[in-house]
C-alpha atoms as a PDB file:
ATOM      1  CA  MET A   1     334.801 132.507 100.226  1.00  0.00           C
ATOM      2  CA  LYS A   2     333.633 132.055 103.781  1.00  0.00           C
ATOM      3  CA  ARG A   3     330.413 133.463 105.186  1.00  0.00           C
ATOM      4  CA  LYS A   4     329.231 133.533 108.771  1.00  0.00           C
ATOM      5  CA  ILE A   5     325.564 133.250 109.628  1.00  0.00           C
ATOM      6  CA  VAL A   6     324.757 134.300 113.181  1.00  0.00           C
ATOM      7  CA  ALA A   7     321.490 133.810 115.094  1.00  0.00           C
ATOM      8  CA  LEU A   8     320.335 131.446 112.415  1.00  0.00           C
ATOM      9  CA  MET A   9     316.646 131.399 111.467  1.00  0.00           C
ATOM     10  CA  LEU A  10     315.504 127.845 110.903  1.00  0.00           C
ATOM     11  CA  ILE A  11     312.523 126.681 108.939  1.00  0.00           C
ATOM     12  CA  GLY A  12     309.059 125.946 110.342  1.00  0.00           C
ATOM     13  CA  CYS A  13     308.410 124.736 113.867  1.00  0.00           C
ATOM     14  CA  MET A  14     311.982 123.619 114.563  1.00  0.00           C
ATOM     15  CA  THR A  15     312.884 126.973 116.103  1.00  0.00           C
ATOM     16  CA  ALA A  16     310.070 126.997 118.620  1.00  0.00           C
ATOM     17  CA  SER A  17     310.659 123.452 119.778  1.00  0.00           C
ATOM     18  CA  MET A  18     314.396 123.912 120.113  1.00  0.00           C
ATOM     19  CA  THR A  19     314.040 127.240 121.917  1.00  0.00           C
ATOM     20  CA  ALA A  20     311.787 125.608 124.479  1.00  0.00           C
ATOM     21  CA  PHE A  21     314.292 122.811 124.814  1.00  0.00           C
ATOM     22  CA  ALA A  22     317.135 125.289 125.327  1.00  0.00           C
ATOM     23  CA  GLU A  23     315.477 126.602 128.485  1.00  0.00           C
ATOM     24  CA  GLU A  24     315.514 123.089 129.923  1.00  0.00           C
ATOM     25  CA  SER A  25     318.991 122.141 128.729  1.00  0.00           C
ATOM     26  CA  THR A  26     320.777 125.024 130.395  1.00  0.00           C
ATOM     27  CA  GLU A  27     319.483 123.791 133.737  1.00  0.00           C
ATOM     28  CA  GLY A  28     320.617 120.222 133.060  1.00  0.00           C
ATOM     29  CA  ALA A  29     319.783 117.776 130.324  1.00  0.00           C
ATOM     30  CA  THR A  30     317.734 115.283 132.308  1.00  0.00           C
ATOM     31  CA  GLU A  31     314.459 115.780 130.407  1.00  0.00           C
ATOM     32  CA  ALA A  32     316.148 115.580 127.012  1.00  0.00           C
ATOM     33  CA  GLY A  33     317.109 111.969 127.371  1.00  0.00           C
ATOM     34  CA  THR A  34     320.324 111.987 129.362  1.00  0.00           C
ATOM     35  CA  GLU A  35     320.506 109.977 132.549  1.00  0.00           C
ATOM     36  CA  ALA A  36     321.926 112.808 134.633  1.00  0.00           C
ATOM     37  CA  ALA A  37     322.394 116.552 134.395  1.00  0.00           C
ATOM     38  CA  VAL A  38     325.399 117.637 132.317  1.00  0.00           C
ATOM     39  CA  ASP A  39     327.368 120.731 133.276  1.00  0.00           C
ATOM     40  CA  PHE A  40     328.596 122.598 130.180  1.00  0.00           C
ATOM     41  CA  SER A  41     330.044 125.611 131.990  1.00  0.00           C
ATOM     42  CA  ASP A  42     333.626 124.428 131.515  1.00  0.00           C
ATOM     43  CA  VAL A  43     333.318 123.559 127.825  1.00  0.00           C
ATOM     44  CA  GLU A  44     335.695 125.639 125.725  1.00  0.00           C
ATOM     45  CA  THR A  45     334.541 126.995 122.360  1.00  0.00           C
ATOM     46  CA  VAL A  46     336.283 129.128 119.746  1.00  0.00           C
ATOM     47  CA  THR A  47     334.197 132.146 120.736  1.00  0.00           C
ATOM     48  CA  GLU A  48     332.834 132.451 124.250  1.00  0.00           C
ATOM     49  CA  GLY A  49     329.074 132.098 124.327  1.00  0.00           C
ATOM     50  CA  LYS A  50     328.879 130.717 120.787  1.00  0.00           C
ATOM     51  CA  LEU A  51     329.003 127.346 119.070  1.00  0.00           C
ATOM     52  CA  THR A  52     330.742 127.831 115.731  1.00  0.00           C
ATOM     53  CA  VAL A  53     329.897 125.226 113.088  1.00  0.00           C
ATOM     54  CA  ALA A  54     331.355 124.876 109.585  1.00  0.00           C
ATOM     55  CA  THR A  55     329.176 123.405 106.856  1.00  0.00           C
ATOM     56  CA  SER A  56     329.065 123.063 103.082  1.00  0.00           C
ATOM     57  CA  PRO A  57     325.512 123.909 101.930  1.00  0.00           C
ATOM     58  CA  ASP A  58     325.513 121.821  98.756  1.00  0.00           C
ATOM     59  CA  PHE A  59     324.444 118.529 100.282  1.00  0.00           C
ATOM     60  CA  ALA A  60     320.666 118.251 100.506  1.00  0.00           C
ATOM     61  CA  PRO A  61     318.989 116.995 102.624  1.00  0.00           C
ATOM     62  CA  TYR A  62     321.887 117.472 105.069  1.00  0.00           C
ATOM     63  CA  GLU A  63     322.453 121.181 104.357  1.00  0.00           C
ATOM     64  CA  PHE A  64     321.223 123.531 101.632  1.00  0.00           C
ATOM     65  CA  TYR A  65     319.269 126.754 101.173  1.00  0.00           C
ATOM     66  CA  ALA A  66     315.484 126.435 101.084  1.00  0.00           C
ATOM     67  CA  ILE A  67     313.899 129.233  99.053  1.00  0.00           C
ATOM     68  CA  ASP A  68     310.606 130.665 100.269  1.00  0.00           C
ATOM     69  CA  GLU A  69     307.737 132.160  98.253  1.00  0.00           C
ATOM     70  CA  ASP A  70     309.497 135.544  98.204  1.00  0.00           C
ATOM     71  CA  GLY A  71     312.645 134.007  96.742  1.00  0.00           C
ATOM     72  CA  THR A  72     314.577 134.379 100.003  1.00  0.00           C
ATOM     73  CA  PRO A  73     317.066 131.571 100.753  1.00  0.00           C
ATOM     74  CA  SER A  74     317.299 130.260 104.317  1.00  0.00           C
ATOM     75  CA  LEU A  75     319.873 127.753 105.476  1.00  0.00           C
ATOM     76  CA  ALA A  76     318.101 124.422 106.034  1.00  0.00           C
ATOM     77  CA  GLY A  77     318.709 120.692 106.326  1.00  0.00           C
ATOM     78  CA  PHE A  78     318.810 118.239 109.191  1.00  0.00           C
ATOM     79  CA  ASP A  79     322.475 118.967 109.936  1.00  0.00           C
ATOM     80  CA  ILE A  80     321.579 122.628 110.403  1.00  0.00           C
ATOM     81  CA  ALA A  81     318.605 121.808 112.611  1.00  0.00           C
ATOM     82  CA  LEU A  82     320.732 119.442 114.693  1.00  0.00           C
ATOM     83  CA  ALA A  83     323.443 122.115 114.996  1.00  0.00           C
ATOM     84  CA  GLN A  84     320.847 124.507 116.425  1.00  0.00           C
ATOM     85  CA  TYR A  85     319.629 121.796 118.799  1.00  0.00           C
ATOM     86  CA  ILE A  86     323.176 121.191 120.061  1.00  0.00           C
ATOM     87  CA  ALA A  87     323.787 124.914 120.536  1.00  0.00           C
ATOM     88  CA  ASP A  88     320.524 125.280 122.451  1.00  0.00           C
ATOM     89  CA  TYR A  89     321.327 122.165 124.469  1.00  0.00           C
ATOM     90  CA  MET A  90     324.575 123.803 125.546  1.00  0.00           C
ATOM     91  CA  GLY A  91     322.995 127.211 126.125  1.00  0.00           C
ATOM     92  CA  LEU A  92     325.065 128.782 123.328  1.00  0.00           C
ATOM     93  CA  GLU A  93     324.358 130.969 120.315  1.00  0.00           C
ATOM     94  CA  LEU A  94     324.835 129.191 117.009  1.00  0.00           C
ATOM     95  CA  GLU A  95     327.202 130.644 114.427  1.00  0.00           C
ATOM     96  CA  VAL A  96     327.401 128.859 111.069  1.00  0.00           C
ATOM     97  CA  VAL A  97     330.367 129.236 108.731  1.00  0.00           C
ATOM     98  CA  THR A  98     329.588 128.253 105.129  1.00  0.00           C
ATOM     99  CA  VAL A  99     332.487 126.964 103.016  1.00  0.00           C
ATOM    100  CA  ASP A 100     333.153 124.342 100.360  1.00  0.00           C
ATOM    101  CA  PHE A 101     333.434 120.803 101.711  1.00  0.00           C
ATOM    102  CA  ASP A 102     337.225 120.736 101.794  1.00  0.00           C
ATOM    103  CA  GLY A 103     337.015 124.055 103.644  1.00  0.00           C
ATOM    104  CA  VAL A 104     335.082 122.310 106.423  1.00  0.00           C
ATOM    105  CA  LEU A 105     338.069 120.005 106.930  1.00  0.00           C
ATOM    106  CA  THR A 106     340.461 122.974 106.912  1.00  0.00           C
ATOM    107  CA  GLU A 107     338.392 124.932 109.426  1.00  0.00           C
ATOM    108  CA  LEU A 108     338.493 121.951 111.790  1.00  0.00           C
ATOM    109  CA  GLN A 109     342.181 121.296 111.231  1.00  0.00           C
ATOM    110  CA  THR A 110     343.063 124.897 112.132  1.00  0.00           C
ATOM    111  CA  LYS A 111     340.590 124.855 115.043  1.00  0.00           C
ATOM    112  CA  SER A 112     338.846 127.895 113.583  1.00  0.00           C
ATOM    113  CA  VAL A 113     335.483 126.295 114.371  1.00  0.00           C
ATOM    114  CA  ASP A 114     334.119 124.052 117.094  1.00  0.00           C
ATOM    115  CA  LEU A 115     332.274 121.578 114.886  1.00  0.00           C
ATOM    116  CA  GLY A 116     332.059 120.469 111.272  1.00  0.00           C
ATOM    117  CA  MET A 117     328.656 119.251 110.108  1.00  0.00           C
ATOM    118  CA  ALA A 118     328.519 118.275 106.457  1.00  0.00           C
ATOM    119  CA  GLY A 119     327.475 114.647 106.284  1.00  0.00           C
ATOM    120  CA  LEU A 120     330.931 113.662 107.503  1.00  0.00           C
ATOM    121  CA  SER A 121     331.845 109.993 107.589  1.00  0.00           C
ATOM    122  CA  PRO A 122     334.138 109.117 110.515  1.00  0.00           C
ATOM    123  CA  ASP A 123     337.047 108.067 108.339  1.00  0.00           C
ATOM    124  CA  PRO A 124     340.163 107.053 110.344  1.00  0.00           C
ATOM    125  CA  ALA A 125     342.280 109.031 107.868  1.00  0.00           C
ATOM    126  CA  ARG A 126     340.678 112.221 109.187  1.00  0.00           C
ATOM    127  CA  GLU A 127     341.347 111.495 112.846  1.00  0.00           C
ATOM    128  CA  ALA A 128     344.606 113.441 112.714  1.00  0.00           C
ATOM    129  CA  ILE A 129     342.684 116.684 112.194  1.00  0.00           C
ATOM    130  CA  MET A 130     339.422 116.111 114.089  1.00  0.00           C
ATOM    131  CA  ASP A 131     337.632 113.891 116.533  1.00  0.00           C
ATOM    132  CA  PHE A 132     334.311 112.256 115.690  1.00  0.00           C
ATOM    133  CA  SER A 133     331.072 112.217 117.603  1.00  0.00           C
ATOM    134  CA  ASP A 134     328.773 109.236 117.826  1.00  0.00           C
ATOM    135  CA  ILE A 135     326.986 108.324 114.591  1.00  0.00           C
ATOM    136  CA  TYR A 136     323.789 110.358 114.329  1.00  0.00           C
ATOM    137  CA  TYR A 137     322.539 109.248 110.909  1.00  0.00           C
ATOM    138  CA  GLU A 138     323.018 106.019 108.995  1.00  0.00           C
ATOM    139  CA  GLY A 139     323.238 106.279 105.246  1.00  0.00           C
ATOM    140  CA  GLY A 140     325.062 104.696 102.335  1.00  0.00           C
ATOM    141  CA  GLN A 141     327.052 105.369  99.182  1.00  0.00           C
ATOM    142  CA  SER A 142     325.991 104.975  95.562  1.00  0.00           C
ATOM    143  CA  LEU A 143     327.317 104.948  92.040  1.00  0.00           C
ATOM    144  CA  VAL A 144     325.165 107.311  89.984  1.00  0.00           C
ATOM    145  CA  THR A 145     324.756 107.742  86.238  1.00  0.00           C
ATOM    146  CA  LEU A 146     322.007 108.740  83.804  1.00  0.00           C
ATOM    147  CA  LYS A 147     319.034 106.472  83.134  1.00  0.00           C
ATOM    148  CA  ASP A 148     320.046 106.201  79.473  1.00  0.00           C
ATOM    149  CA  ASN A 149     323.431 104.824  80.587  1.00  0.00           C
ATOM    150  CA  ALA A 150     322.194 102.662  83.465  1.00  0.00           C
ATOM    151  CA  ASP A 151     322.706  99.393  81.591  1.00  0.00           C
ATOM    152  CA  LYS A 152     326.155 100.447  80.416  1.00  0.00           C
ATOM    153  CA  TYR A 153     327.654 101.849  83.639  1.00  0.00           C
ATOM    154  CA  ASN A 154     326.145  99.552  86.254  1.00  0.00           C
ATOM    155  CA  SER A 155     329.296  98.048  87.779  1.00  0.00           C
ATOM    156  CA  PHE A 156     332.765  99.061  88.893  1.00  0.00           C
ATOM    157  CA  ASP A 157     334.267  97.085  86.016  1.00  0.00           C
ATOM    158  CA  ALA A 158     332.156  99.038  83.549  1.00  0.00           C
ATOM    159  CA  VAL A 159     333.470 102.414  84.708  1.00  0.00           C
ATOM    160  CA  ASN A 160     337.006 101.371  85.654  1.00  0.00           C
ATOM    161  CA  ASN A 161     338.352 102.525  82.334  1.00  0.00           C
ATOM    162  CA  SER A 162     340.466 105.515  81.372  1.00  0.00           C
ATOM    163  CA  ASP A 163     337.879 106.445  78.749  1.00  0.00           C
ATOM    164  CA  VAL A 164     335.204 106.858  81.440  1.00  0.00           C
ATOM    165  CA  SER A 165     335.001 110.051  83.507  1.00  0.00           C
ATOM    166  CA  VAL A 166     333.908 109.487  87.104  1.00  0.00           C
ATOM    167  CA  GLY A 167     333.115 112.361  89.451  1.00  0.00           C
ATOM    168  CA  ALA A 168     333.403 112.787  93.212  1.00  0.00           C
ATOM    169  CA  GLN A 169     333.480 115.709  95.625  1.00  0.00           C
ATOM    170  CA  THR A 170     336.875 117.144  96.552  1.00  0.00           C
ATOM    171  CA  GLY A 171     338.103 115.972  99.950  1.00  0.00           C
ATOM    172  CA  SER A 172     335.205 113.571 100.415  1.00  0.00           C
ATOM    173  CA  ILE A 173     334.833 109.906 101.291  1.00  0.00           C
ATOM    174  CA  GLN A 174     333.272 109.526  97.850  1.00  0.00           C
ATOM    175  CA  LEU A 175     336.561 110.573  96.253  1.00  0.00           C
ATOM    176  CA  ASP A 176     338.348 107.887  98.282  1.00  0.00           C
ATOM    177  CA  LEU A 177     335.755 105.347  97.137  1.00  0.00           C
ATOM    178  CA  ALA A 178     336.240 106.377  93.510  1.00  0.00           C
ATOM    179  CA  ASN A 179     340.006 105.890  93.806  1.00  0.00           C
ATOM    180  CA  GLU A 180     339.523 102.576  95.593  1.00  0.00           C
ATOM    181  CA  ASN A 181     336.894 101.037  93.320  1.00  0.00           C
ATOM    182  CA  THR A 182     337.662 102.625  89.945  1.00  0.00           C
ATOM    183  CA  PRO A 183     341.370 103.526  90.024  1.00  0.00           C
ATOM    184  CA  ASP A 184     341.768 103.257  86.244  1.00  0.00           C
ATOM    185  CA  ALA A 185     338.901 105.624  85.461  1.00  0.00           C
ATOM    186  CA  ASP A 186     339.358 109.293  84.642  1.00  0.00           C
ATOM    187  CA  ILE A 187     338.498 110.504  88.141  1.00  0.00           C
ATOM    188  CA  VAL A 188     337.330 114.114  88.262  1.00  0.00           C
ATOM    189  CA  SER A 189     337.346 115.892  91.619  1.00  0.00           C
ATOM    190  CA  LEU A 190     334.890 118.796  91.894  1.00  0.00           C
ATOM    191  CA  PRO A 191     334.291 121.092  94.904  1.00  0.00           C
ATOM    192  CA  LYS A 192     330.474 120.854  95.020  1.00  0.00           C
ATOM    193  CA  VAL A 193     327.952 118.073  94.536  1.00  0.00           C
ATOM    194  CA  THR A 194     325.982 120.524  92.393  1.00  0.00           C
ATOM    195  CA  ASP A 195     328.971 120.654  90.026  1.00  0.00           C
ATOM    196  CA  ILE A 196     328.982 116.860  89.798  1.00  0.00           C
ATOM    197  CA  ILE A 197     325.259 116.725  89.032  1.00  0.00           C
ATOM    198  CA  SER A 198     325.597 119.428  86.374  1.00  0.00           C
ATOM    199  CA  GLU A 199     328.458 117.560  84.717  1.00  0.00           C
ATOM    200  CA  LEU A 200     326.495 114.295  84.778  1.00  0.00           C
ATOM    201  CA  LEU A 201     323.442 115.896  83.209  1.00  0.00           C
ATOM    202  CA  ALA A 202     325.593 117.608  80.580  1.00  0.00           C
ATOM    203  CA  GLY A 203     327.243 114.311  79.644  1.00  0.00           C
ATOM    204  CA  LYS A 204     330.691 115.457  80.758  1.00  0.00           C
ATOM    205  CA  LEU A 205     330.778 112.732  83.409  1.00  0.00           C
ATOM    206  CA  GLU A 206     329.641 109.170  82.798  1.00  0.00           C
ATOM    207  CA  ALA A 207     329.200 108.308  86.472  1.00  0.00           C
ATOM    208  CA  ALA A 208     329.776 109.644  89.966  1.00  0.00           C
ATOM    209  CA  PHE A 209     330.139 108.492  93.560  1.00  0.00           C
ATOM    210  CA  ILE A 210     327.532 110.280  95.720  1.00  0.00           C
ATOM    211  CA  GLU A 211     326.083 109.711  99.188  1.00  0.00           C
ATOM    212  CA  THR A 212     322.870 107.740  98.714  1.00  0.00           C
ATOM    213  CA  ASP A 213     320.314 110.053 100.306  1.00  0.00           C
ATOM    214  CA  VAL A 214     321.908 113.073  98.654  1.00  0.00           C
ATOM    215  CA  ALA A 215     321.703 111.317  95.277  1.00  0.00           C
ATOM    216  CA  LYS A 216     318.044 110.462  95.930  1.00  0.00           C
ATOM    217  CA  SER A 217     317.364 114.095  96.768  1.00  0.00           C
ATOM    218  CA  TYR A 218     318.787 115.201  93.430  1.00  0.00           C
ATOM    219  CA  GLN A 219     316.940 112.423  91.651  1.00  0.00           C
ATOM    220  CA  LYS A 220     313.610 113.941  92.742  1.00  0.00           C
ATOM    221  CA  ASN A 221     314.489 117.080  90.810  1.00  0.00           C
ATOM    222  CA  TYR A 222     316.389 115.400  87.992  1.00  0.00           C
ATOM    223  CA  PRO A 223     314.610 112.139  87.050  1.00  0.00           C
ATOM    224  CA  ASP A 224     317.288 111.417  84.447  1.00  0.00           C
ATOM    225  CA  LEU A 225     319.605 110.376  87.282  1.00  0.00           C
ATOM    226  CA  GLU A 226     319.841 106.710  88.231  1.00  0.00           C
ATOM    227  CA  LEU A 227     321.420 105.081  91.298  1.00  0.00           C
ATOM    228  CA  VAL A 228     322.848 101.924  89.758  1.00  0.00           C
ATOM    229  CA  LEU A 229     325.009 100.421  92.482  1.00  0.00           C
ATOM    230  CA  ASP A 230     325.369 100.385  96.255  1.00  0.00           C
ATOM    231  CA  VAL A 231     329.001 101.107  97.058  1.00  0.00           C
ATOM    232  CA  PRO A 232     330.429  99.020  99.922  1.00  0.00           C
ATOM    233  CA  TYR A 233     331.803 101.100 102.759  1.00  0.00           C
ATOM    234  CA  ASP A 234     332.646  99.938 106.283  1.00  0.00           C
ATOM    235  CA  VAL A 235     331.273 103.037 108.014  1.00  0.00           C
ATOM    236  CA  LYS A 236     327.597 103.459 107.139  1.00  0.00           C
ATOM    237  CA  GLY A 237     326.723 106.695 108.798  1.00  0.00           C
ATOM    238  CA  SER A 238     327.498 110.331 109.504  1.00  0.00           C
ATOM    239  CA  ALA A 239     329.171 111.848 112.532  1.00  0.00           C
ATOM    240  CA  ILE A 240     329.999 115.365 113.641  1.00  0.00           C
ATOM    241  CA  GLY A 241     333.572 116.538 113.330  1.00  0.00           C
ATOM    242  CA  VAL A 242     334.653 117.948 116.697  1.00  0.00           C
ATOM    243  CA  SER A 243     337.645 120.224 117.260  1.00  0.00           C
ATOM    244  CA  LYS A 244     340.418 117.891 118.306  1.00  0.00           C
ATOM    245  CA  ASP A 245     341.251 117.184 121.954  1.00  0.00           C
ATOM    246  CA  ASN A 246     338.213 118.950 123.395  1.00  0.00           C
ATOM    247  CA  ALA A 247     336.756 116.264 125.652  1.00  0.00           C
ATOM    248  CA  GLY A 248     334.159 118.539 127.223  1.00  0.00           C
ATOM    249  CA  LEU A 249     332.775 119.577 123.863  1.00  0.00           C
ATOM    250  CA  MET A 250     332.701 115.964 122.685  1.00  0.00           C
ATOM    251  CA  GLU A 251     330.744 114.936 125.782  1.00  0.00           C
ATOM    252  CA  ALA A 252     328.214 117.709 125.211  1.00  0.00           C
ATOM    253  CA  VAL A 253     327.793 116.900 121.524  1.00  0.00           C
ATOM    254  CA  ASN A 254     327.249 113.195 122.153  1.00  0.00           C
ATOM    255  CA  ALA A 255     324.771 113.965 124.931  1.00  0.00           C
ATOM    256  CA  ALA A 256     322.846 116.281 122.584  1.00  0.00           C
ATOM    257  CA  ILE A 257     322.778 113.667 119.825  1.00  0.00           C
ATOM    258  CA  ALA A 258     321.416 111.090 122.252  1.00  0.00           C
ATOM    259  CA  ALA A 259     318.804 113.556 123.447  1.00  0.00           C
ATOM    260  CA  ALA A 260     317.722 114.499 119.926  1.00  0.00           C
ATOM    261  CA  LYS A 261     317.270 110.831 119.083  1.00  0.00           C
ATOM    262  CA  LYS A 262     315.385 110.016 122.264  1.00  0.00           C
ATOM    263  CA  ASP A 263     312.917 112.913 122.153  1.00  0.00           C
ATOM    264  CA  GLY A 264     312.220 112.399 118.433  1.00  0.00           C
ATOM    265  CA  SER A 265     313.640 115.731 117.301  1.00  0.00           C
ATOM    266  CA  LEU A 266     316.229 114.236 114.965  1.00  0.00           C
ATOM    267  CA  GLU A 267     313.619 112.098 113.237  1.00  0.00           C
ATOM    268  CA  ASP A 268     311.472 115.209 112.737  1.00  0.00           C
ATOM    269  CA  TYR A 269     314.418 117.173 111.351  1.00  0.00           C
ATOM    270  CA  ILE A 270     315.198 114.453 108.805  1.00  0.00           C
ATOM    271  CA  ALA A 271     311.580 114.278 107.639  1.00  0.00           C
ATOM    272  CA  GLU A 272     311.286 118.051 107.316  1.00  0.00           C
ATOM    273  CA  ALA A 273     314.634 118.364 105.538  1.00  0.00           C
ATOM    274  CA  ASN A 274     313.614 115.756 102.974  1.00  0.00           C
ATOM    275  CA  ALA A 275     310.353 117.606 102.363  1.00  0.00           C
ATOM    276  CA  LEU A 276     312.135 120.947 101.931  1.00  0.00           C
ATOM    277  CA  ALA A 277     314.768 119.402  99.675  1.00  0.00           C
ATOM    278  CA  ALA A 278     312.018 118.336  97.270  1.00  0.00           C
ATOM    279  CA  GLY A 279     310.997 121.976  96.849  1.00  0.00           C
ATOM    280  CA  GLU A 280     312.762 125.018  95.501  1.00  0.00           C
ATOM    281  CA  LYS A 281     316.281 125.263  96.842  1.00  0.00           C
ATOM    282  CA  TYR A 282     319.800 126.476  96.206  1.00  0.00           C
ATOM    283  CA  GLU A 283     322.847 124.335  96.889  1.00  0.00           C
ATOM    284  CA  GLY A 284     326.172 126.082  97.134  1.00  0.00           C
ATOM    285  CA  LEU A 285     327.721 129.226  98.587  1.00  0.00           C
ATOM    286  CA  LEU A 286     325.956 132.566  98.412  1.00  0.00           C
ATOM    287  CA  ASP A 287     327.660 135.861  97.613  1.00  0.00           C
ATOM    288  CA  ASP A 288     328.788 138.428 100.185  1.00  0.00           C
ATOM    289  CA  ASN A 289     325.278 139.895 100.331  1.00  0.00           C
ATOM    290  CA  GLY A 290     323.732 136.538 101.125  1.00  0.00           C
ATOM    291  CA  GLU A 291     322.174 136.314  97.674  1.00  0.00           C
ATOM    292  CA  VAL A 292     322.373 133.665  94.972  1.00  0.00           C
ATOM    293  CA  ALA A 293     325.076 134.659  92.510  1.00  0.00           C
ATOM    294  CA  GLU A 294     323.590 135.440  89.110  1.00  0.00           C
ATOM    295  CA  ALA A 295     325.973 133.048  87.386  1.00  0.00           C
ATOM    296  CA  SER A 296     324.811 130.207  89.600  1.00  0.00           C
ATOM    297  CA  THR A 297     321.057 130.396  89.188  1.00  0.00           C
ATOM    298  CA  GLU A 298     321.049 127.054  87.407  1.00  0.00           C
ATOM    299  CA  ALA A 299     321.670 125.458  90.789  1.00  0.00           C
ATOM    300  CA  VAL A 300     318.199 126.532  91.945  1.00  0.00           C
ATOM    301  CA  THR A 301     315.835 123.618  91.480  1.00  0.00           C
ATOM    302  CA  GLU A 302     312.193 122.784  91.841  1.00  0.00           C
END
């Protein structure tokens, strides 16, 4: 299922600050941190006047649904805030397409969207289907298990066994890391990180490969989780997937990233996303009415 969210409402003061910034950016990006004005009039996008971004909202604090006091979910996370910043920077309307993580890769491969923002690592194996922006966030990878099993499953050797089930998200770098570091384990590929967490907590998985900050976000809500091992990975950071062979769009995206870093916006987005992720949230796709599916209410956490 694929849902489009147009004219996205962001959480808190992000909207006001980015709207003010948009007025400046359409005249030239000099005050946002770039050395000279950037002309975006010739940048091609999938839909004229819009920046279309695919994301997988099961990856807090990158992207998820924050639930307000009335029980209404709103798309949140620092990827979402940065997407709005980039759209405003370019003078475009933001359109967000929500899909499972492997759907983000498909949307980019078919050039159905302009950008993919889902905590993407710039893996060379993906360069055939997308280009990568500059790194905008540096993170890491972790092996995760339950606290009760932390002494037992605290190394690759301990889980590299056919009797041990190890989880990772379908189509992700974490799945590659699982195959690389624990090839003899019973590797289970699941479409959502929420599925992996549920299986860990239920004892159906002994361990899982999860992005470090995402794992820490879940750990706040599920103290039984334990990050037992830093997983070596050459690329320690996230980049934006850009529709291939669109040099103008790439230039604009990199300029916006630089601006968001320089003016402090990105740092604010990360802090706010982490705070929201510690509260009530939903991680995963919503139904066609934009509501949490009744069968998935266990994914709502406090």
